[in-house]
Amino acid sequence: GRACREILATPPPFITAIGLDQHLSPTRSNGLHAMLATIRK
Protein backbone atom coordinates (compact mmCIF):
# COMPACT_ATOMS: atom_id res chain seq x y z
CA GLY A 1 0.00 0.00 0.00
CA ARG A 2 3.02 2.31 -0.09
CA ALA A 3 4.04 4.63 -2.89
CA CYS A 4 6.36 2.88 -5.33
CA ARG A 5 8.90 5.72 -5.07
CA GLU A 6 8.95 5.46 -1.30
CA ILE A 7 9.58 1.71 -1.49
CA LEU A 8 12.55 2.30 -3.77
CA ALA A 9 13.88 5.16 -1.65
CA THR A 10 13.74 3.29 1.66
CA PRO A 11 16.35 0.63 2.42
CA PRO A 12 15.30 -2.19 4.76
CA PRO A 13 17.32 -1.45 7.95
CA PHE A 14 14.71 -3.28 10.02
CA ILE A 15 16.22 -6.63 8.95
CA THR A 16 19.44 -5.80 10.78
CA ALA A 17 17.77 -3.77 13.52
CA ILE A 18 15.58 -6.69 14.57
CA GLY A 19 18.47 -9.10 14.18
CA LEU A 20 16.83 -11.16 11.45
CA ASP A 21 20.04 -11.26 9.47
CA GLN A 22 21.77 -12.99 12.38
CA HIS A 23 18.99 -15.31 13.47
CA LEU A 24 17.48 -16.60 10.27
CA SER A 25 18.96 -19.64 8.61
CA PRO A 26 20.83 -18.78 5.39
CA THR A 27 18.05 -20.25 3.24
CA ARG A 28 15.36 -18.22 5.03
CA SER A 29 17.52 -15.14 4.83
CA ASN A 30 17.93 -15.73 1.07
CA GLY A 31 14.18 -16.10 0.80
CA LEU A 32 13.61 -12.83 2.64
CA HIS A 33 16.02 -11.04 0.33
CA ALA A 34 14.43 -12.66 -2.72
CA MET A 35 11.01 -11.38 -1.60
CA LEU A 36 12.44 -7.91 -0.99
CA ALA A 37 14.06 -7.93 -4.42
CA THR A 38 10.74 -8.89 -6.04
CA ILE A 39 8.92 -6.08 -4.23
CA ARG A 40 11.59 -3.56 -5.24
CA LYS A 41 11.49 -4.75 -8.84
All heavy atoms as atom14 arrays in JSON, in Angstrom:
{
  "sequence": "GRACREILATPPPFITAIGLDQHLSPTRSNGLHAMLATIRK",
  "atom14_mask": [
    [1, 1, 1, 1, 0, 0, 0, 0, 0, 0, 0, 0, 0, 0],
    [1, 1, 1, 1, 1, 1, 1, 1, 1, 1, 1, 0, 0, 0],
    [1, 1, 1, 1, 1, 0, 0, 0, 0, 0, 0, 0, 0, 0],
    [1, 1, 1, 1, 1, 1, 0, 0, 0, 0, 0, 0, 0, 0],
    [1, 1, 1, 1, 1, 1, 1, 1, 1, 1, 1, 0, 0, 0],
    [1, 1, 1, 1, 1, 1, 1, 1, 1, 0, 0, 0, 0, 0],
    [1, 1, 1, 1, 1, 1, 1, 1, 0, 0, 0, 0, 0, 0],
    [1, 1, 1, 1, 1, 1, 1, 1, 0, 0, 0, 0, 0, 0],
    [1, 1, 1, 1, 1, 0, 0, 0, 0, 0, 0, 0, 0, 0],
    [1, 1, 1, 1, 1, 1, 1, 0, 0, 0, 0, 0, 0, 0],
    [1, 1, 1, 1, 1, 1, 1, 0, 0, 0, 0, 0, 0, 0],
    [1, 1, 1, 1, 1, 1, 1, 0, 0, 0, 0, 0, 0, 0],
    [1, 1, 1, 1, 1, 1, 1, 0, 0, 0, 0, 0, 0, 0],
    [1, 1, 1, 1, 1, 1, 1, 1, 1, 1, 1, 0, 0, 0],
    [1, 1, 1, 1, 1, 1, 1, 1, 0, 0, 0, 0, 0, 0],
    [1, 1, 1, 1, 1, 1, 1, 0, 0, 0, 0, 0, 0, 0],
    [1, 1, 1, 1, 1, 0, 0, 0, 0, 0, 0, 0, 0, 0],
    [1, 1, 1, 1, 1, 1, 1, 1, 0, 0, 0, 0, 0, 0],
    [1, 1, 1, 1, 0, 0, 0, 0, 0, 0, 0, 0, 0, 0],
    [1, 1, 1, 1, 1, 1, 1, 1, 0, 0, 0, 0, 0, 0],
    [1, 1, 1, 1, 1, 1, 1, 1, 0, 0, 0, 0, 0, 0],
    [1, 1, 1, 1, 1, 1, 1, 1, 1, 0, 0, 0, 0, 0],
    [1, 1, 1, 1, 1, 1, 1, 1, 1, 1, 0, 0, 0, 0],
    [1, 1, 1, 1, 1, 1, 1, 1, 0, 0, 0, 0, 0, 0],
    [1, 1, 1, 1, 1, 1, 0, 0, 0, 0, 0, 0, 0, 0],
    [1, 1, 1, 1, 1, 1, 1, 0, 0, 0, 0, 0, 0, 0],
    [1, 1, 1, 1, 1, 1, 1, 0, 0, 0, 0, 0, 0, 0],
    [1, 1, 1, 1, 1, 1, 1, 1, 1, 1, 1, 0, 0, 0],
    [1, 1, 1, 1, 1, 1, 0, 0, 0, 0, 0, 0, 0, 0],
    [1, 1, 1, 1, 1, 1, 1, 1, 0, 0, 0, 0, 0, 0],
    [1, 1, 1, 1, 0, 0, 0, 0, 0, 0, 0, 0, 0, 0],
    [1, 1, 1, 1, 1, 1, 1, 1, 0, 0, 0, 0, 0, 0],
    [1, 1, 1, 1, 1, 1, 1, 1, 1, 1, 0, 0, 0, 0],
    [1, 1, 1, 1, 1, 0, 0, 0, 0, 0, 0, 0, 0, 0],
    [1, 1, 1, 1, 1, 1, 1, 1, 0, 0, 0, 0, 0, 0],
    [1, 1, 1, 1, 1, 1, 1, 1, 0, 0, 0, 0, 0, 0],
    [1, 1, 1, 1, 1, 0, 0, 0, 0, 0, 0, 0, 0, 0],
    [1, 1, 1, 1, 1, 1, 1, 0, 0, 0, 0, 0, 0, 0],
    [1, 1, 1, 1, 1, 1, 1, 1, 0, 0, 0, 0, 0, 0],
    [1, 1, 1, 1, 1, 1, 1, 1, 1, 1, 1, 0, 0, 0],
    [1, 1, 1, 1, 1, 1, 1, 1, 1, 0, 0, 0, 0, 0]
  ],
  "atom14_positions": [
    [[0.79, -1.22, 0.0], [0.0, 0.0, 0.0], [0.83, 1.27, 0.0], [0.3, 2.38, 0.09], [0.0, 0.0, 0.0], [0.0, 0.0, 0.0], [0.0, 0.0, 0.0], [0.0, 0.0, 0.0], [0.0, 0.0, 0.0], [0.0, 0.0, 0.0], [0.0, 0.0, 0.0], [0.0, 0.0, 0.0], [0.0, 0.0, 0.0], [0.0, 0.0, 0.0]],
    [[2.14, 1.12, -0.1], [3.02, 2.31, -0.09], [3.25, 2.81, -1.51], [3.13, 2.06, -2.48], [4.4, 1.94, 0.48], [4.35, 1.31, 1.83], [4.0, 2.31, 2.9], [4.01, 1.65, 4.19], [3.62, 2.24, 5.31], [3.18, 3.46, 5.29], [3.66, 1.59, 6.44], [0.0, 0.0, 0.0], [0.0, 0.0, 0.0], [0.0, 0.0, 0.0]],
    [[3.69, 4.06, -1.58], [4.04, 4.63, -2.89], [5.28, 3.91, -3.42], [6.22, 3.64, -2.67], [4.32, 6.12, -2.74], [0.0, 0.0, 0.0], [0.0, 0.0, 0.0], [0.0, 0.0, 0.0], [0.0, 0.0, 0.0], [0.0, 0.0, 0.0], [0.0, 0.0, 0.0], [0.0, 0.0, 0.0], [0.0, 0.0, 0.0], [0.0, 0.0, 0.0]],
    [[5.25, 3.6, -4.7], [6.36, 2.88, -5.33], [7.69, 3.61, -5.12], [8.71, 3.0, -4.83], [6.1, 2.71, -6.83], [4.6, 1.75, -7.11], [0.0, 0.0, 0.0], [0.0, 0.0, 0.0], [0.0, 0.0, 0.0], [0.0, 0.0, 0.0], [0.0, 0.0, 0.0], [0.0, 0.0, 0.0], [0.0, 0.0, 0.0], [0.0, 0.0, 0.0]],
    [[7.66, 4.94, -5.26], [8.9, 5.72, -5.07], [9.44, 5.59, -3.66], [10.64, 5.54, -3.43], [8.67, 7.2, -5.38], [8.49, 7.46, -6.86], [8.34, 8.94, -7.19], [7.91, 9.1, -8.57], [8.71, 8.92, -9.62], [9.98, 8.61, -9.45], [8.24, 9.07, -10.84], [0.0, 0.0, 0.0], [0.0, 0.0, 0.0], [0.0, 0.0, 0.0]],
    [[8.52, 5.56, -2.7], [8.95, 5.46, -1.3], [9.59, 4.09, -1.05], [10.59, 3.98, -0.33], [7.75, 5.66, -0.36], [8.18, 5.79, 1.1], [7.02, 5.79, 2.11], [5.85, 5.67, 1.7], [7.31, 5.86, 3.31], [0.0, 0.0, 0.0], [0.0, 0.0, 0.0], [0.0, 0.0, 0.0], [0.0, 0.0, 0.0], [0.0, 0.0, 0.0]],
    [[9.01, 3.06, -1.64], [9.58, 1.71, -1.49], [11.02, 1.7, -2.0], [11.94, 1.2, -1.34], [8.74, 0.66, -2.24], [7.36, 0.53, -1.58], [9.46, -0.7, -2.26], [6.37, -0.34, -2.34], [0.0, 0.0, 0.0], [0.0, 0.0, 0.0], [0.0, 0.0, 0.0], [0.0, 0.0, 0.0], [0.0, 0.0, 0.0], [0.0, 0.0, 0.0]],
    [[11.22, 2.29, -3.17], [12.55, 2.3, -3.77], [13.53, 3.14, -2.96], [14.71, 2.85, -2.89], [12.49, 2.83, -5.2], [11.89, 1.87, -6.22], [11.86, 2.55, -7.59], [12.68, 0.58, -6.3], [0.0, 0.0, 0.0], [0.0, 0.0, 0.0], [0.0, 0.0, 0.0], [0.0, 0.0, 0.0], [0.0, 0.0, 0.0], [0.0, 0.0, 0.0]],
    [[13.01, 4.21, -2.36], [13.88, 5.16, -1.65], [14.23, 4.71, -0.24], [15.09, 5.3, 0.41], [13.21, 6.53, -1.61], [0.0, 0.0, 0.0], [0.0, 0.0, 0.0], [0.0, 0.0, 0.0], [0.0, 0.0, 0.0], [0.0, 0.0, 0.0], [0.0, 0.0, 0.0], [0.0, 0.0, 0.0], [0.0, 0.0, 0.0], [0.0, 0.0, 0.0]],
    [[13.55, 3.67, 0.25], [13.74, 3.29, 1.66], [14.43, 1.93, 1.77], [13.84, 0.91, 1.43], [12.38, 3.22, 2.39], [11.61, 4.36, 2.03], [12.59, 3.21, 3.9], [0.0, 0.0, 0.0], [0.0, 0.0, 0.0], [0.0, 0.0, 0.0], [0.0, 0.0, 0.0], [0.0, 0.0, 0.0], [0.0, 0.0, 0.0], [0.0, 0.0, 0.0]],
    [[15.67, 1.92, 2.23], [16.35, 0.63, 2.42], [15.7, -0.14, 3.57], [14.97, 0.48, 4.36], [17.78, 1.04, 2.78], [17.64, 2.41, 3.38], [16.47, 3.05, 2.69], [0.0, 0.0, 0.0], [0.0, 0.0, 0.0], [0.0, 0.0, 0.0], [0.0, 0.0, 0.0], [0.0, 0.0, 0.0], [0.0, 0.0, 0.0], [0.0, 0.0, 0.0]],
    [[15.95, -1.44, 3.67], [15.3, -2.19, 4.76], [16.19, -2.38, 6.0], [16.64, -3.47, 6.28], [15.01, -3.54, 4.1], [16.11, -3.7, 3.09], [16.53, -2.33, 2.67], [0.0, 0.0, 0.0], [0.0, 0.0, 0.0], [0.0, 0.0, 0.0], [0.0, 0.0, 0.0], [0.0, 0.0, 0.0], [0.0, 0.0, 0.0], [0.0, 0.0, 0.0]],
    [[16.46, -1.3, 6.76], [17.32, -1.45, 7.95], [16.71, -2.32, 9.03], [17.4, -2.8, 9.92], [17.51, -0.01, 8.44], [16.29, 0.7, 7.97], [15.95, 0.07, 6.65], [0.0, 0.0, 0.0], [0.0, 0.0, 0.0], [0.0, 0.0, 0.0], [0.0, 0.0, 0.0], [0.0, 0.0, 0.0], [0.0, 0.0, 0.0], [0.0, 0.0, 0.0]],
    [[15.37, -2.52, 8.97], [14.71, -3.28, 10.02], [15.25, -4.72, 10.09], [15.24, -5.33, 11.14], [13.18, -3.29, 9.81], [12.72, -4.04, 8.59], [12.37, -5.37, 8.67], [12.64, -3.39, 7.36], [11.95, -6.06, 7.54], [12.21, -4.07, 6.24], [11.88, -5.41, 6.32], [0.0, 0.0, 0.0], [0.0, 0.0, 0.0], [0.0, 0.0, 0.0]],
    [[15.72, -5.24, 8.96], [16.22, -6.63, 8.95], [17.39, -6.76, 9.92], [17.46, -7.69, 10.71], [16.62, -7.04, 7.52], [15.36, -7.09, 6.65], [17.33, -8.39, 7.52], [15.61, -7.38, 5.19], [0.0, 0.0, 0.0], [0.0, 0.0, 0.0], [0.0, 0.0, 0.0], [0.0, 0.0, 0.0], [0.0, 0.0, 0.0], [0.0, 0.0, 0.0]],
    [[18.29, -5.79, 9.86], [19.44, -5.8, 10.78], [19.03, -5.35, 12.17], [19.47, -5.9, 13.17], [20.53, -4.85, 10.25], [20.67, -5.07, 8.85], [21.88, -5.12, 10.91], [0.0, 0.0, 0.0], [0.0, 0.0, 0.0], [0.0, 0.0, 0.0], [0.0, 0.0, 0.0], [0.0, 0.0, 0.0], [0.0, 0.0, 0.0], [0.0, 0.0, 0.0]],
    [[18.16, -4.33, 12.23], [17.77, -3.77, 13.52], [17.09, -4.8, 14.41], [17.29, -4.84, 15.62], [16.86, -2.56, 13.31], [0.0, 0.0, 0.0], [0.0, 0.0, 0.0], [0.0, 0.0, 0.0], [0.0, 0.0, 0.0], [0.0, 0.0, 0.0], [0.0, 0.0, 0.0], [0.0, 0.0, 0.0], [0.0, 0.0, 0.0], [0.0, 0.0, 0.0]],
    [[16.26, -5.66, 13.79], [15.58, -6.69, 14.57], [16.54, -7.84, 14.86], [16.38, -8.59, 15.81], [14.37, -7.25, 13.79], [13.31, -6.19, 13.59], [13.75, -8.43, 14.51], [12.16, -6.66, 12.72], [0.0, 0.0, 0.0], [0.0, 0.0, 0.0], [0.0, 0.0, 0.0], [0.0, 0.0, 0.0], [0.0, 0.0, 0.0], [0.0, 0.0, 0.0]],
    [[17.54, -8.0, 14.01], [18.47, -9.1, 14.18], [18.12, -10.29, 13.3], [18.62, -11.4, 13.48], [0.0, 0.0, 0.0], [0.0, 0.0, 0.0], [0.0, 0.0, 0.0], [0.0, 0.0, 0.0], [0.0, 0.0, 0.0], [0.0, 0.0, 0.0], [0.0, 0.0, 0.0], [0.0, 0.0, 0.0], [0.0, 0.0, 0.0], [0.0, 0.0, 0.0]],
    [[17.23, -10.05, 12.33], [16.83, -11.16, 11.45], [18.01, -11.71, 10.67], [18.13, -12.91, 10.47], [15.76, -10.69, 10.45], [14.35, -10.52, 10.98], [13.45, -9.93, 9.9], [13.78, -11.83, 11.47], [0.0, 0.0, 0.0], [0.0, 0.0, 0.0], [0.0, 0.0, 0.0], [0.0, 0.0, 0.0], [0.0, 0.0, 0.0], [0.0, 0.0, 0.0]],
    [[18.89, -10.8, 10.25], [20.04, -11.26, 9.47], [20.92, -12.24, 10.24], [21.55, -13.11, 9.66], [20.86, -10.07, 8.95], [21.21, -9.09, 10.06], [20.61, -9.17, 11.16], [22.09, -8.25, 9.85], [0.0, 0.0, 0.0], [0.0, 0.0, 0.0], [0.0, 0.0, 0.0], [0.0, 0.0, 0.0], [0.0, 0.0, 0.0], [0.0, 0.0, 0.0]],
    [[20.94, -12.08, 11.58], [21.77, -12.99, 12.38], [21.04, -14.26, 12.79], [21.66, -15.27, 13.03], [22.22, -12.27, 13.66], [23.2, -11.16, 13.39], [23.29, -10.21, 14.56], [22.36, -10.09, 15.36], [24.41, -9.53, 14.66], [0.0, 0.0, 0.0], [0.0, 0.0, 0.0], [0.0, 0.0, 0.0], [0.0, 0.0, 0.0], [0.0, 0.0, 0.0]],
    [[19.72, -14.18, 12.88], [18.99, -15.31, 13.47], [18.24, -16.2, 12.49], [17.73, -17.23, 12.87], [18.04, -14.82, 14.56], [18.78, -14.33, 15.76], [19.18, -13.03, 15.9], [19.22, -14.99, 16.86], [19.84, -12.9, 17.05], [19.87, -14.06, 17.65], [0.0, 0.0, 0.0], [0.0, 0.0, 0.0], [0.0, 0.0, 0.0], [0.0, 0.0, 0.0]],
    [[18.14, -15.74, 11.25], [17.48, -16.6, 10.27], [18.5, -17.56, 9.69], [19.66, -17.2, 9.54], [16.89, -15.76, 9.14], [15.66, -14.91, 9.46], [15.26, -14.11, 8.24], [14.51, -15.76, 9.95], [0.0, 0.0, 0.0], [0.0, 0.0, 0.0], [0.0, 0.0, 0.0], [0.0, 0.0, 0.0], [0.0, 0.0, 0.0], [0.0, 0.0, 0.0]],
    [[18.05, -18.73, 9.3], [18.96, -19.64, 8.61], [19.3, -19.01, 7.27], [18.54, -18.19, 6.75], [18.28, -20.99, 8.4], [17.19, -20.8, 7.5], [0.0, 0.0, 0.0], [0.0, 0.0, 0.0], [0.0, 0.0, 0.0], [0.0, 0.0, 0.0], [0.0, 0.0, 0.0], [0.0, 0.0, 0.0], [0.0, 0.0, 0.0], [0.0, 0.0, 0.0]],
    [[20.45, -19.36, 6.68], [20.83, -18.78, 5.39], [19.74, -18.92, 4.32], [19.49, -17.98, 3.57], [22.09, -19.55, 5.0], [22.66, -20.03, 6.29], [21.48, -20.26, 7.2], [0.0, 0.0, 0.0], [0.0, 0.0, 0.0], [0.0, 0.0, 0.0], [0.0, 0.0, 0.0], [0.0, 0.0, 0.0], [0.0, 0.0, 0.0], [0.0, 0.0, 0.0]],
    [[19.07, -20.07, 4.29], [18.05, -20.25, 3.24], [16.86, -19.32, 3.48], [16.31, -18.76, 2.55], [17.53, -21.7, 3.18], [17.21, -22.12, 4.5], [18.57, -22.63, 2.6], [0.0, 0.0, 0.0], [0.0, 0.0, 0.0], [0.0, 0.0, 0.0], [0.0, 0.0, 0.0], [0.0, 0.0, 0.0], [0.0, 0.0, 0.0], [0.0, 0.0, 0.0]],
    [[16.47, -19.12, 4.75], [15.36, -18.22, 5.03], [15.76, -16.79, 4.75], [14.98, -15.99, 4.26], [14.92, -18.35, 6.5], [14.21, -19.64, 6.73], [13.22, -19.52, 7.87], [12.58, -20.81, 8.05], [12.78, -21.57, 9.11], [13.58, -21.21, 10.07], [12.15, -22.72, 9.2], [0.0, 0.0, 0.0], [0.0, 0.0, 0.0], [0.0, 0.0, 0.0]],
    [[17.01, -16.48, 5.08], [17.52, -15.14, 4.83], [17.54, -14.87, 3.32], [17.13, -13.8, 2.86], [18.92, -15.03, 5.43], [19.37, -13.72, 5.31], [0.0, 0.0, 0.0], [0.0, 0.0, 0.0], [0.0, 0.0, 0.0], [0.0, 0.0, 0.0], [0.0, 0.0, 0.0], [0.0, 0.0, 0.0], [0.0, 0.0, 0.0], [0.0, 0.0, 0.0]],
    [[17.96, -15.86, 2.54], [17.93, -15.73, 1.07], [16.52, -15.49, 0.59], [16.27, -14.68, -0.3], [18.45, -17.0, 0.38], [19.95, -17.13, 0.53], [20.62, -16.18, 0.92], [20.47, -18.3, 0.22], [0.0, 0.0, 0.0], [0.0, 0.0, 0.0], [0.0, 0.0, 0.0], [0.0, 0.0, 0.0], [0.0, 0.0, 0.0], [0.0, 0.0, 0.0]],
    [[15.59, -16.24, 1.17], [14.18, -16.1, 0.8], [13.66, -14.7, 1.09], [12.97, -14.11, 0.26], [0.0, 0.0, 0.0], [0.0, 0.0, 0.0], [0.0, 0.0, 0.0], [0.0, 0.0, 0.0], [0.0, 0.0, 0.0], [0.0, 0.0, 0.0], [0.0, 0.0, 0.0], [0.0, 0.0, 0.0], [0.0, 0.0, 0.0], [0.0, 0.0, 0.0]],
    [[14.03, -14.18, 2.26], [13.61, -12.83, 2.64], [14.15, -11.82, 1.64], [13.43, -10.94, 1.17], [14.13, -12.53, 4.06], [13.83, -11.14, 4.61], [12.33, -10.9, 4.73], [14.48, -10.94, 5.97], [0.0, 0.0, 0.0], [0.0, 0.0, 0.0], [0.0, 0.0, 0.0], [0.0, 0.0, 0.0], [0.0, 0.0, 0.0], [0.0, 0.0, 0.0]],
    [[15.41, -11.97, 1.28], [16.02, -11.04, 0.33], [15.44, -11.2, -1.07], [15.28, -10.23, -1.8], [17.55, -11.16, 0.35], [18.12, -10.58, 1.61], [18.21, -9.22, 1.82], [18.57, -11.15, 2.75], [18.71, -8.99, 3.03], [18.93, -10.14, 3.61], [0.0, 0.0, 0.0], [0.0, 0.0, 0.0], [0.0, 0.0, 0.0], [0.0, 0.0, 0.0]],
    [[15.07, -12.42, -1.41], [14.43, -12.66, -2.72], [13.06, -11.98, -2.77], [12.68, -11.38, -3.78], [14.29, -14.16, -2.98], [0.0, 0.0, 0.0], [0.0, 0.0, 0.0], [0.0, 0.0, 0.0], [0.0, 0.0, 0.0], [0.0, 0.0, 0.0], [0.0, 0.0, 0.0], [0.0, 0.0, 0.0], [0.0, 0.0, 0.0], [0.0, 0.0, 0.0]],
    [[12.33, -12.04, -1.65], [11.01, -11.38, -1.6], [11.18, -9.87, -1.69], [10.47, -9.19, -2.43], [10.27, -11.74, -0.31], [9.76, -13.18, -0.3], [8.67, -13.5, 1.12], [9.81, -13.69, 2.48], [0.0, 0.0, 0.0], [0.0, 0.0, 0.0], [0.0, 0.0, 0.0], [0.0, 0.0, 0.0], [0.0, 0.0, 0.0], [0.0, 0.0, 0.0]],
    [[12.16, -9.34, -0.95], [12.44, -7.91, -0.99], [12.8, -7.47, -2.4], [12.32, -6.44, -2.88], [13.63, -7.58, -0.07], [13.3, -7.14, 1.33], [14.57, -7.03, 2.15], [12.57, -5.79, 1.33], [0.0, 0.0, 0.0], [0.0, 0.0, 0.0], [0.0, 0.0, 0.0], [0.0, 0.0, 0.0], [0.0, 0.0, 0.0], [0.0, 0.0, 0.0]],
    [[13.62, -8.27, -3.06], [14.06, -7.93, -4.42], [12.86, -7.9, -5.37], [12.75, -7.01, -6.22], [15.1, -8.95, -4.91], [0.0, 0.0, 0.0], [0.0, 0.0, 0.0], [0.0, 0.0, 0.0], [0.0, 0.0, 0.0], [0.0, 0.0, 0.0], [0.0, 0.0, 0.0], [0.0, 0.0, 0.0], [0.0, 0.0, 0.0], [0.0, 0.0, 0.0]],
    [[11.94, -8.84, -5.2], [10.74, -8.89, -6.04], [9.87, -7.65, -5.82], [9.36, -7.06, -6.77], [9.93, -10.17, -5.73], [10.79, -11.29, -5.89], [8.75, -10.32, -6.67], [0.0, 0.0, 0.0], [0.0, 0.0, 0.0], [0.0, 0.0, 0.0], [0.0, 0.0, 0.0], [0.0, 0.0, 0.0], [0.0, 0.0, 0.0], [0.0, 0.0, 0.0]],
    [[9.72, -7.25, -4.56], [8.92, -6.08, -4.23], [9.56, -4.82, -4.84], [8.89, -3.98, -5.44], [8.77, -5.93, -2.7], [7.91, -7.07, -2.15], [8.18, -4.57, -2.32], [7.98, -7.26, -0.65], [0.0, 0.0, 0.0], [0.0, 0.0, 0.0], [0.0, 0.0, 0.0], [0.0, 0.0, 0.0], [0.0, 0.0, 0.0], [0.0, 0.0, 0.0]],
    [[10.89, -4.73, -4.7], [11.59, -3.56, -5.24], [11.51, -3.51, -6.76], [11.37, -2.45, -7.37], [13.04, -3.54, -4.77], [13.17, -3.33, -3.27], [14.61, -3.25, -2.83], [15.22, -2.02, -3.28], [15.18, -0.87, -2.59], [14.54, -0.82, -1.45], [15.75, 0.22, -3.05], [0.0, 0.0, 0.0], [0.0, 0.0, 0.0], [0.0, 0.0, 0.0]],
    [[11.58, -4.68, -7.39], [11.49, -4.75, -8.84], [10.11, -4.28, -9.3], [9.98, -3.51, -10.26], [11.76, -6.18, -9.31], [12.27, -6.27, -10.74], [12.92, -7.61, -11.0], [11.86, -8.55, -11.57], [12.35, -9.91, -11.75], [0.0, 0.0, 0.0], [0.0, 0.0, 0.0], [0.0, 0.0, 0.0], [0.0, 0.0, 0.0], [0.0, 0.0, 0.0]]
  ]
}
